[in-house]
Amino acid sequence: YVTGRATLEVPTLRMLSLDAEEIGRRAEAVAREACAVVPSLAWRLQAGVSRPGGGSSPAGEIPTTLLAIEDPSGDAGRLEVRLRQGDPPVVARVSDGKLLLDLRTVLPEQDATLARRVAAILDPSR
């Protein structure tokens, strides 16, 4: 991991240097904020890995905490498409029927926007 002043000033390095616990705290806060709009939101935190550069980075895999969201209809792919096609677009992944968000790839100042986007794709009135 990179340390020092660069991790404070270079967003990519700052994101790479985050530990799984910090990412987990942020993911939980995003989920709770989305739950304020959609109380039925089914979510949990789960251990995972970040793959910088889509797996091509020499950093390899970095431990992270993922926000796993279940779609009431069982179609997490539908949620992924809605996030990706929305404004702003959000890139997520789908695994084992769950939508997975890795907040390592989200700047902390974007957490509230992410919570709003998650709530919007799950709110039946939208």
Protein backbone atom coordinates (compact mmCIF):
# COMPACT_ATOMS: atom_id res chain seq x y z
CA TYR A 1 0.00 0.00 0.00
CA VAL A 2 1.07 3.56 -0.64
CA THR A 3 1.37 5.91 2.31
CA GLY A 4 2.23 9.54 2.91
CA ARG A 5 1.13 12.76 1.35
CA ALA A 6 0.29 11.16 -2.00
CA THR A 7 -2.55 9.16 -0.42
CA LEU A 8 -4.14 12.41 0.70
CA GLU A 9 -3.72 14.30 -2.56
CA VAL A 10 -4.20 11.65 -5.28
CA PRO A 11 -7.76 10.26 -5.24
CA THR A 12 -6.83 6.92 -6.78
CA LEU A 13 -4.07 6.34 -4.25
CA ARG A 14 -6.38 7.43 -1.44
CA MET A 15 -8.96 4.87 -2.59
CA LEU A 16 -6.37 2.10 -2.90
CA SER A 17 -5.09 2.77 0.60
CA LEU A 18 -8.49 2.45 2.34
CA ASP A 19 -8.87 -0.56 4.59
CA ALA A 20 -11.87 -2.91 4.54
CA GLU A 21 -13.16 -1.63 7.89
CA GLU A 22 -13.37 1.99 6.70
CA ILE A 23 -15.08 0.90 3.50
CA GLY A 24 -17.50 -1.17 5.58
CA ARG A 25 -18.41 1.81 7.75
CA ARG A 26 -19.14 3.88 4.67
CA ALA A 27 -21.11 1.06 3.02
CA GLU A 28 -23.25 0.66 6.12
CA ALA A 29 -23.93 4.42 6.21
CA VAL A 30 -24.97 4.37 2.53
CA ALA A 31 -27.33 1.45 3.18
CA ARG A 32 -28.88 3.11 6.22
CA GLU A 33 -29.40 6.36 4.30
CA ALA A 34 -31.09 4.45 1.47
CA CYS A 35 -33.25 2.63 4.05
CA ALA A 36 -34.57 5.98 5.22
CA VAL A 37 -36.29 6.21 1.81
CA VAL A 38 -36.91 2.50 1.20
CA PRO A 39 -37.31 0.84 4.62
CA SER A 40 -37.75 -2.60 3.03
CA LEU A 41 -34.24 -2.50 1.54
CA ALA A 42 -32.64 -5.92 2.06
CA TRP A 43 -28.90 -5.45 2.47
CA ARG A 44 -25.88 -6.79 4.27
CA LEU A 45 -22.15 -6.24 4.35
CA GLN A 46 -19.91 -9.00 3.07
CA ALA A 47 -16.19 -9.53 2.76
CA GLY A 48 -14.83 -9.26 -0.74
CA VAL A 49 -11.92 -8.08 -2.82
CA SER A 50 -11.26 -5.05 -4.97
CA ARG A 51 -9.42 -5.74 -8.22
CA PRO A 52 -7.72 -2.50 -9.25
CA GLY A 53 -7.47 -2.09 -13.00
CA GLY A 54 -10.04 -4.81 -13.51
CA GLY A 55 -7.50 -7.26 -12.14
CA SER A 56 -4.60 -6.05 -14.28
CA SER A 57 -2.94 -3.94 -11.58
CA PRO A 58 0.19 -5.22 -9.87
CA ALA A 59 -1.67 -4.52 -6.61
CA GLY A 60 -3.66 -7.70 -7.31
CA GLU A 61 -6.60 -8.17 -4.98
CA ILE A 62 -7.19 -5.87 -2.02
CA PRO A 63 -9.55 -6.91 0.82
CA THR A 64 -12.72 -4.83 0.94
CA THR A 65 -16.22 -4.84 2.38
CA LEU A 66 -19.02 -4.99 -0.15
CA LEU A 67 -22.55 -3.69 0.19
CA ALA A 68 -24.77 -6.55 -0.99
CA ILE A 69 -28.33 -5.61 -1.97
CA GLU A 70 -31.15 -8.00 -2.80
CA ASP A 71 -33.83 -7.16 -5.32
CA PRO A 72 -37.31 -8.07 -4.04
CA SER A 73 -38.04 -9.55 -7.49
CA GLY A 74 -34.88 -11.64 -7.35
CA ASP A 75 -33.40 -9.94 -10.41
CA ALA A 76 -30.22 -8.19 -9.26
CA GLY A 77 -29.23 -7.77 -12.91
CA ARG A 78 -32.20 -5.41 -13.32
CA LEU A 79 -30.88 -3.28 -10.47
CA GLU A 80 -27.40 -3.21 -12.00
CA VAL A 81 -28.78 -2.00 -15.33
CA ARG A 82 -30.87 0.71 -13.66
CA LEU A 83 -27.86 1.97 -11.71
CA ARG A 84 -25.60 1.97 -14.76
CA GLN A 85 -28.16 3.74 -16.96
CA GLY A 86 -29.11 6.37 -14.35
CA ASP A 87 -27.71 9.79 -13.63
CA PRO A 88 -25.04 9.67 -12.45
CA PRO A 89 -24.23 6.19 -13.74
CA VAL A 90 -23.08 3.73 -11.08
CA VAL A 91 -21.06 0.63 -11.93
CA ALA A 92 -21.82 -2.37 -9.74
CA ARG A 93 -21.46 -6.11 -10.09
CA VAL A 94 -23.86 -8.98 -9.65
CA SER A 95 -22.93 -12.21 -7.88
CA ASP A 96 -25.05 -14.96 -6.35
CA GLY A 97 -28.21 -13.02 -7.12
CA LYS A 98 -27.09 -9.90 -5.25
CA LEU A 99 -26.08 -6.45 -6.41
CA LEU A 100 -22.60 -5.72 -5.03
CA LEU A 101 -21.22 -2.24 -4.47
CA ASP A 102 -17.59 -1.63 -3.55
CA LEU A 103 -17.25 1.78 -1.98
CA ARG A 104 -13.50 1.68 -2.61
CA THR A 105 -14.43 2.99 -6.07
CA VAL A 106 -16.61 5.80 -4.71
CA LEU A 107 -15.20 9.03 -3.33
CA PRO A 108 -16.47 9.71 0.21
CA GLU A 109 -18.11 12.93 -0.95
CA GLN A 110 -20.21 10.81 -3.37
CA ASP A 111 -21.66 8.50 -0.69
CA ALA A 112 -24.89 10.49 -0.26
CA THR A 113 -25.45 10.51 -4.03
CA LEU A 114 -24.94 6.75 -4.13
CA ALA A 115 -27.46 6.28 -1.32
CA ARG A 116 -30.01 8.35 -3.27
CA ARG A 117 -29.38 6.33 -6.44
CA VAL A 118 -29.78 3.01 -4.59
CA ALA A 119 -33.03 4.23 -3.02
CA ALA A 120 -34.28 5.44 -6.39
CA ILE A 121 -33.83 2.08 -8.13
CA LEU A 122 -35.65 0.29 -5.32
CA ASP A 123 -38.45 2.79 -4.66
CA PRO A 124 -41.56 1.37 -6.36
CA SER A 125 -43.02 4.86 -6.77
CA ARG A 126 -40.23 5.87 -9.17
